[in-house]
Amino acid sequence: MKKLTFTTNINCGNCIKSVTPWLNQSDEIEEWSVDTANPQKTLTTVVEDSTTPETIIEIVTKAGFSIQPL
């Protein structure tokens, strides 16, 4: 398992509610969290070793949010 960290525009509880189904349905993601108090709105994921940052970016983008690796 490895940890990937991103900056996003997921900035409130409703945004987290919107992205939750997208992140939870991914078999590659073991756990995830968003720090909305952080100015960078940091998304941290624990993923399979073979998972690339692009996979997480694609999931979050499909959910309607912007995301960039840190």
PDB file of N, CA and C in Angstrom:
ATOM      1  N   MET A   1       0.842  -1.180   0.000  1.00  0.00           N
ATOM      2  CA  MET A   1       0.000   0.000   0.000  1.00  0.00           C
ATOM      3  C   MET A   1       0.885   1.240   0.000  1.00  0.00           C
ATOM      4  N   LYS A   2       0.380   2.267  -0.671  1.00  0.00           N
ATOM      5  CA  LYS A   2       1.090   3.539  -0.684  1.00  0.00           C
ATOM      6  C   LYS A   2       0.099   4.668  -0.499  1.00  0.00           C
ATOM      7  N   LYS A   3       0.616   5.829  -0.121  1.00  0.00           N
ATOM      8  CA  LYS A   3      -0.207   7.005   0.113  1.00  0.00           C
ATOM      9  C   LYS A   3       0.049   8.009  -1.001  1.00  0.00           C
ATOM     10  N   LEU A   4      -1.029   8.519  -1.589  1.00  0.00           N
ATOM     11  CA  LEU A   4      -0.954   9.562  -2.606  1.00  0.00           C
ATOM     12  C   LEU A   4      -1.671  10.792  -2.077  1.00  0.00           C
ATOM     13  N   THR A   5      -1.113  11.967  -2.328  1.00  0.00           N
ATOM     14  CA  THR A   5      -1.696  13.210  -1.835  1.00  0.00           C
ATOM     15  C   THR A   5      -1.895  14.185  -2.989  1.00  0.00           C
ATOM     16  N   PHE A   6      -3.031  14.879  -2.949  1.00  0.00           N
ATOM     17  CA  PHE A   6      -3.418  15.793  -4.022  1.00  0.00           C
ATOM     18  C   PHE A   6      -3.987  17.074  -3.432  1.00  0.00           C
ATOM     19  N   THR A   7      -3.947  18.132  -4.215  1.00  0.00           N
ATOM     20  CA  THR A   7      -4.676  19.347  -3.884  1.00  0.00           C
ATOM     21  C   THR A   7      -5.947  19.353  -4.739  1.00  0.00           C
ATOM     22  N   THR A   8      -7.057  19.782  -4.155  1.00  0.00           N
ATOM     23  CA  THR A   8      -8.350  19.724  -4.847  1.00  0.00           C
ATOM     24  C   THR A   8      -9.150  20.999  -4.597  1.00  0.00           C
ATOM     25  N   ASN A   9     -10.330  21.039  -5.182  1.00  0.00           N
ATOM     26  CA  ASN A   9     -11.286  22.095  -4.850  1.00  0.00           C
ATOM     27  C   ASN A   9     -12.474  21.513  -4.081  1.00  0.00           C
ATOM     28  N   ILE A  10     -12.270  20.386  -3.420  1.00  0.00           N
ATOM     29  CA  ILE A  10     -13.283  19.777  -2.541  1.00  0.00           C
ATOM     30  C   ILE A  10     -13.207  20.557  -1.228  1.00  0.00           C
ATOM     31  N   ASN A  11     -14.144  21.484  -1.015  1.00  0.00           N
ATOM     32  CA  ASN A  11     -13.952  22.439   0.076  1.00  0.00           C
ATOM     33  C   ASN A  11     -15.037  22.470   1.149  1.00  0.00           C
ATOM     34  N   CYS A  12     -15.996  21.535   1.115  1.00  0.00           N
ATOM     35  CA  CYS A  12     -17.046  21.555   2.134  1.00  0.00           C
ATOM     36  C   CYS A  12     -17.673  20.172   2.284  1.00  0.00           C
ATOM     37  N   GLY A  13     -18.537  20.048   3.252  1.00  0.00           N
ATOM     38  CA  GLY A  13     -19.200  18.776   3.501  1.00  0.00           C
ATOM     39  C   GLY A  13     -20.023  18.290   2.327  1.00  0.00           C
ATOM     40  N   ASN A  14     -20.676  19.204   1.628  1.00  0.00           N
ATOM     41  CA  ASN A  14     -21.467  18.796   0.463  1.00  0.00           C
ATOM     42  C   ASN A  14     -20.582  18.296  -0.674  1.00  0.00           C
ATOM     43  N   CYS A  15     -19.413  18.900  -0.823  1.00  0.00           N
ATOM     44  CA  CYS A  15     -18.462  18.424  -1.840  1.00  0.00           C
ATOM     45  C   CYS A  15     -17.989  17.018  -1.489  1.00  0.00           C
ATOM     46  N   ILE A  16     -17.682  16.805  -0.219  1.00  0.00           N
ATOM     47  CA  ILE A  16     -17.255  15.471   0.220  1.00  0.00           C
ATOM     48  C   ILE A  16     -18.368  14.464  -0.026  1.00  0.00           C
ATOM     49  N   LYS A  17     -19.591  14.865   0.255  1.00  0.00           N
ATOM     50  CA  LYS A  17     -20.734  13.976   0.009  1.00  0.00           C
ATOM     51  C   LYS A  17     -20.844  13.630  -1.475  1.00  0.00           C
ATOM     52  N   SER A  18     -20.554  14.579  -2.344  1.00  0.00           N
ATOM     53  CA  SER A  18     -20.635  14.348  -3.790  1.00  0.00           C
ATOM     54  C   SER A  18     -19.545  13.423  -4.314  1.00  0.00           C
ATOM     55  N   VAL A  19     -18.342  13.544  -3.766  1.00  0.00           N
ATOM     56  CA  VAL A  19     -17.218  12.742  -4.262  1.00  0.00           C
ATOM     57  C   VAL A  19     -17.151  11.355  -3.603  1.00  0.00           C
ATOM     58  N   THR A  20     -17.798  11.190  -2.469  1.00  0.00           N
ATOM     59  CA  THR A  20     -17.725   9.922  -1.724  1.00  0.00           C
ATOM     60  C   THR A  20     -18.091   8.701  -2.556  1.00  0.00           C
ATOM     61  N   PRO A  21     -19.222   8.673  -3.265  1.00  0.00           N
ATOM     62  CA  PRO A  21     -19.542   7.469  -4.036  1.00  0.00           C
ATOM     63  C   PRO A  21     -18.482   7.131  -5.082  1.00  0.00           C
ATOM     64  N   TRP A  22     -17.898   8.142  -5.683  1.00  0.00           N
ATOM     65  CA  TRP A  22     -16.876   7.938  -6.710  1.00  0.00           C
ATOM     66  C   TRP A  22     -15.630   7.292  -6.117  1.00  0.00           C
ATOM     67  N   LEU A  23     -15.185   7.804  -4.973  1.00  0.00           N
ATOM     68  CA  LEU A  23     -13.972   7.266  -4.353  1.00  0.00           C
ATOM     69  C   LEU A  23     -14.232   5.906  -3.702  1.00  0.00           C
ATOM     70  N   ASN A  24     -15.400   5.743  -3.113  1.00  0.00           N
ATOM     71  CA  ASN A  24     -15.708   4.481  -2.442  1.00  0.00           C
ATOM     72  C   ASN A  24     -15.900   3.319  -3.417  1.00  0.00           C
ATOM     73  N   GLN A  25     -16.297   3.593  -4.638  1.00  0.00           N
ATOM     74  CA  GLN A  25     -16.538   2.505  -5.595  1.00  0.00           C
ATOM     75  C   GLN A  25     -15.252   1.990  -6.227  1.00  0.00           C
ATOM     76  N   SER A  26     -14.144   2.680  -6.021  1.00  0.00           N
ATOM     77  CA  SER A  26     -12.865   2.277  -6.619  1.00  0.00           C
ATOM     78  C   SER A  26     -12.237   1.150  -5.808  1.00  0.00           C
ATOM     79  N   ASP A  27     -11.904   0.054  -6.481  1.00  0.00           N
ATOM     80  CA  ASP A  27     -11.254  -1.070  -5.823  1.00  0.00           C
ATOM     81  C   ASP A  27      -9.813  -0.763  -5.442  1.00  0.00           C
ATOM     82  N   GLU A  28      -9.198   0.217  -6.096  1.00  0.00           N
ATOM     83  CA  GLU A  28      -7.802   0.557  -5.829  1.00  0.00           C
ATOM     84  C   GLU A  28      -7.617   1.348  -4.542  1.00  0.00           C
ATOM     85  N   ILE A  29      -8.672   2.035  -4.091  1.00  0.00           N
ATOM     86  CA  ILE A  29      -8.568   2.916  -2.927  1.00  0.00           C
ATOM     87  C   ILE A  29      -9.002   2.159  -1.670  1.00  0.00           C
ATOM     88  N   GLU A  30      -8.081   2.039  -0.713  1.00  0.00           N
ATOM     89  CA  GLU A  30      -8.381   1.393   0.565  1.00  0.00           C
ATOM     90  C   GLU A  30      -9.061   2.368   1.517  1.00  0.00           C
ATOM     91  N   GLU A  31      -8.522   3.576   1.572  1.00  0.00           N
ATOM     92  CA  GLU A  31      -9.120   4.619   2.401  1.00  0.00           C
ATOM     93  C   GLU A  31      -8.730   5.978   1.841  1.00  0.00           C
ATOM     94  N   TRP A  32      -9.495   6.987   2.218  1.00  0.00           N
ATOM     95  CA  TRP A  32      -9.229   8.334   1.729  1.00  0.00           C
ATOM     96  C   TRP A  32      -9.776   9.343   2.717  1.00  0.00           C
ATOM     97  N   SER A  33      -9.260  10.564   2.642  1.00  0.00           N
ATOM     98  CA  SER A  33      -9.768  11.658   3.459  1.00  0.00           C
ATOM     99  C   SER A  33      -9.458  12.977   2.758  1.00  0.00           C
ATOM    100  N   VAL A  34     -10.264  13.980   3.069  1.00  0.00           N
ATOM    101  CA  VAL A  34     -10.051  15.322   2.539  1.00  0.00           C
ATOM    102  C   VAL A  34      -9.928  16.269   3.727  1.00  0.00           C
ATOM    103  N   ASP A  35      -8.865  17.047   3.740  1.00  0.00           N
ATOM    104  CA  ASP A  35      -8.658  18.056   4.776  1.00  0.00           C
ATOM    105  C   ASP A  35      -9.156  19.390   4.237  1.00  0.00           C
ATOM    106  N   THR A  36     -10.422  19.705   4.510  1.00  0.00           N
ATOM    107  CA  THR A  36     -11.002  20.947   3.998  1.00  0.00           C
ATOM    108  C   THR A  36     -10.509  22.170   4.765  1.00  0.00           C
ATOM    109  N   ALA A  37      -9.895  21.983   5.925  1.00  0.00           N
ATOM    110  CA  ALA A  37      -9.332  23.106   6.680  1.00  0.00           C
ATOM    111  C   ALA A  37      -8.002  23.560   6.088  1.00  0.00           C
ATOM    112  N   ASN A  38      -7.347  22.688   5.362  1.00  0.00           N
ATOM    113  CA  ASN A  38      -6.082  23.010   4.709  1.00  0.00           C
ATOM    114  C   ASN A  38      -6.380  23.906   3.503  1.00  0.00           C
ATOM    115  N   PRO A  39      -5.629  24.989   3.315  1.00  0.00           N
ATOM    116  CA  PRO A  39      -5.884  25.873   2.164  1.00  0.00           C
ATOM    117  C   PRO A  39      -5.813  25.155   0.812  1.00  0.00           C
ATOM    118  N   GLN A  40      -5.054  24.057   0.749  1.00  0.00           N
ATOM    119  CA  GLN A  40      -4.938  23.302  -0.497  1.00  0.00           C
ATOM    120  C   GLN A  40      -6.025  22.235  -0.633  1.00  0.00           C
ATOM    121  N   LYS A  41      -6.928  22.130   0.359  1.00  0.00           N
ATOM    122  CA  LYS A  41      -8.017  21.142   0.322  1.00  0.00           C
ATOM    123  C   LYS A  41      -7.448  19.755  -0.030  1.00  0.00           C
ATOM    124  N   THR A  42      -6.552  19.278   0.801  1.00  0.00           N
ATOM    125  CA  THR A  42      -5.757  18.093   0.529  1.00  0.00           C
ATOM    126  C   THR A  42      -6.560  16.799   0.589  1.00  0.00           C
ATOM    127  N   LEU A  43      -6.490  16.047  -0.501  1.00  0.00           N
ATOM    128  CA  LEU A  43      -7.056  14.700  -0.569  1.00  0.00           C
ATOM    129  C   LEU A  43      -5.903  13.724  -0.394  1.00  0.00           C
ATOM    130  N   THR A  44      -6.014  12.846   0.601  1.00  0.00           N
ATOM    131  CA  THR A  44      -5.014  11.815   0.832  1.00  0.00           C
ATOM    132  C   THR A  44      -5.675  10.468   0.629  1.00  0.00           C
ATOM    133  N   THR A  45      -5.032   9.611  -0.158  1.00  0.00           N
ATOM    134  CA  THR A  45      -5.575   8.284  -0.428  1.00  0.00           C
ATOM    135  C   THR A  45      -4.542   7.227  -0.061  1.00  0.00           C
ATOM    136  N   VAL A  46      -5.026   6.094   0.432  1.00  0.00           N
ATOM    137  CA  VAL A  46      -4.195   4.912   0.611  1.00  0.00           C
ATOM    138  C   VAL A  46      -4.644   3.937  -0.465  1.00  0.00           C
ATOM    139  N   VAL A  47      -3.701   3.571  -1.337  1.00  0.00           N
ATOM    140  CA  VAL A  47      -4.043   2.805  -2.537  1.00  0.00           C
ATOM    141  C   VAL A  47      -3.128   1.599  -2.702  1.00  0.00           C
ATOM    142  N   GLU A  48      -3.531   0.716  -3.604  1.00  0.00           N
ATOM    143  CA  GLU A  48      -2.689  -0.414  -3.990  1.00  0.00           C
ATOM    144  C   GLU A  48      -1.393   0.124  -4.582  1.00  0.00           C
ATOM    145  N   ASP A  49      -0.315  -0.618  -4.439  1.00  0.00           N
ATOM    146  CA  ASP A  49       0.981  -0.178  -4.950  1.00  0.00           C
ATOM    147  C   ASP A  49       0.968   0.084  -6.453  1.00  0.00           C
ATOM    148  N   SER A  50       0.134  -0.624  -7.180  1.00  0.00           N
ATOM    149  CA  SER A  50       0.097  -0.472  -8.641  1.00  0.00           C
ATOM    150  C   SER A  50      -0.752   0.714  -9.106  1.00  0.00           C
ATOM    151  N   THR A  51      -1.466   1.367  -8.205  1.00  0.00           N
ATOM    152  CA  THR A  51      -2.341   2.485  -8.570  1.00  0.00           C
ATOM    153  C   THR A  51      -1.513   3.730  -8.876  1.00  0.00           C
ATOM    154  N   THR A  52      -1.821   4.370  -9.985  1.00  0.00           N
ATOM    155  CA  THR A  52      -1.107   5.585 -10.376  1.00  0.00           C
ATOM    156  C   THR A  52      -1.899   6.827  -9.947  1.00  0.00           C
ATOM    157  N   PRO A  53      -1.215   7.945  -9.792  1.00  0.00           N
ATOM    158  CA  PRO A  53      -1.921   9.192  -9.485  1.00  0.00           C
ATOM    159  C   PRO A  53      -2.981   9.516 -10.544  1.00  0.00           C
ATOM    160  N   GLU A  54      -2.719   9.159 -11.788  1.00  0.00           N
ATOM    161  CA  GLU A  54      -3.670   9.435 -12.861  1.00  0.00           C
ATOM    162  C   GLU A  54      -5.017   8.750 -12.619  1.00  0.00           C
ATOM    163  N   THR A  55      -4.985   7.573 -12.000  1.00  0.00           N
ATOM    164  CA  THR A  55      -6.229   6.858 -11.687  1.00  0.00           C
ATOM    165  C   THR A  55      -7.091   7.675 -10.738  1.00  0.00           C
ATOM    166  N   ILE A  56      -6.481   8.223  -9.695  1.00  0.00           N
ATOM    167  CA  ILE A  56      -7.218   9.028  -8.715  1.00  0.00           C
ATOM    168  C   ILE A  56      -7.688  10.326  -9.360  1.00  0.00           C
ATOM    169  N   ILE A  57      -6.842  10.927 -10.169  1.00  0.00           N
ATOM    170  CA  ILE A  57      -7.212  12.168 -10.868  1.00  0.00           C
ATOM    171  C   ILE A  57      -8.430  11.928 -11.752  1.00  0.00           C
ATOM    172  N   GLU A  58      -8.451  10.824 -12.462  1.00  0.00           N
ATOM    173  CA  GLU A  58      -9.584  10.507 -13.334  1.00  0.00           C
ATOM    174  C   GLU A  58     -10.879  10.349 -12.531  1.00  0.00           C
ATOM    175  N   ILE A  59     -10.807   9.665 -11.399  1.00  0.00           N
ATOM    176  CA  ILE A  59     -11.997   9.447 -10.565  1.00  0.00           C
ATOM    177  C   ILE A  59     -12.548  10.777 -10.061  1.00  0.00           C
ATOM    178  N   VAL A  60     -11.686  11.610  -9.506  1.00  0.00           N
ATOM    179  CA  VAL A  60     -12.125  12.879  -8.919  1.00  0.00           C
ATOM    180  C   VAL A  60     -12.620  13.830 -10.005  1.00  0.00           C
ATOM    181  N   THR A  61     -11.972  13.827 -11.156  1.00  0.00           N
ATOM    182  CA  THR A  61     -12.412  14.670 -12.269  1.00  0.00           C
ATOM    183  C   THR A  61     -13.794  14.249 -12.749  1.00  0.00           C
ATOM    184  N   LYS A  62     -14.031  12.950 -12.852  1.00  0.00           N
ATOM    185  CA  LYS A  62     -15.363  12.468 -13.252  1.00  0.00           C
ATOM    186  C   LYS A  62     -16.432  12.875 -12.253  1.00  0.00           C
ATOM    187  N   ALA A  63     -16.039  13.014 -10.986  1.00  0.00           N
ATOM    188  CA  ALA A  63     -16.981  13.451  -9.949  1.00  0.00           C
ATOM    189  C   ALA A  63     -17.247  14.953 -10.024  1.00  0.00           C
ATOM    190  N   GLY A  64     -16.487  15.667 -10.868  1.00  0.00           N
ATOM    191  CA  GLY A  64     -16.751  17.096 -11.085  1.00  0.00           C
ATOM    192  C   GLY A  64     -15.836  18.030 -10.338  1.00  0.00           C
ATOM    193  N   PHE A  65     -14.716  17.531  -9.851  1.00  0.00           N
ATOM    194  CA  PHE A  65     -13.807  18.382  -9.075  1.00  0.00           C
ATOM    195  C   PHE A  65     -12.450  18.455  -9.753  1.00  0.00           C
ATOM    196  N   SER A  66     -11.722  19.530  -9.454  1.00  0.00           N
ATOM    197  CA  SER A  66     -10.361  19.657  -9.963  1.00  0.00           C
ATOM    198  C   SER A  66      -9.397  19.039  -8.955  1.00  0.00           C
ATOM    199  N   ILE A  67      -8.281  18.530  -9.464  1.00  0.00           N
ATOM    200  CA  ILE A  67      -7.322  17.816  -8.625  1.00  0.00           C
ATOM    201  C   ILE A  67      -5.957  17.856  -9.283  1.00  0.00           C
ATOM    202  N   GLN A  68      -4.925  18.011  -8.446  1.00  0.00           N
ATOM    203  CA  GLN A  68      -3.543  17.982  -8.932  1.00  0.00           C
ATOM    204  C   GLN A  68      -2.693  17.275  -7.892  1.00  0.00           C
ATOM    205  N   PRO A  69      -1.709  16.492  -8.339  1.00  0.00           N
ATOM    206  CA  PRO A  69      -0.817  15.830  -7.381  1.00  0.00           C
ATOM    207  C   PRO A  69       0.004  16.873  -6.602  1.00  0.00           C
ATOM    208  N   LEU A  70       0.311  16.544  -5.371  1.00  0.00           N
ATOM    209  CA  LEU A  70       1.213  17.390  -4.579  1.00  0.00           C
ATOM    210  C   LEU A  70       2.605  16.825  -4.629  1.00  0.00           C
TER     211      LEU A  70
END
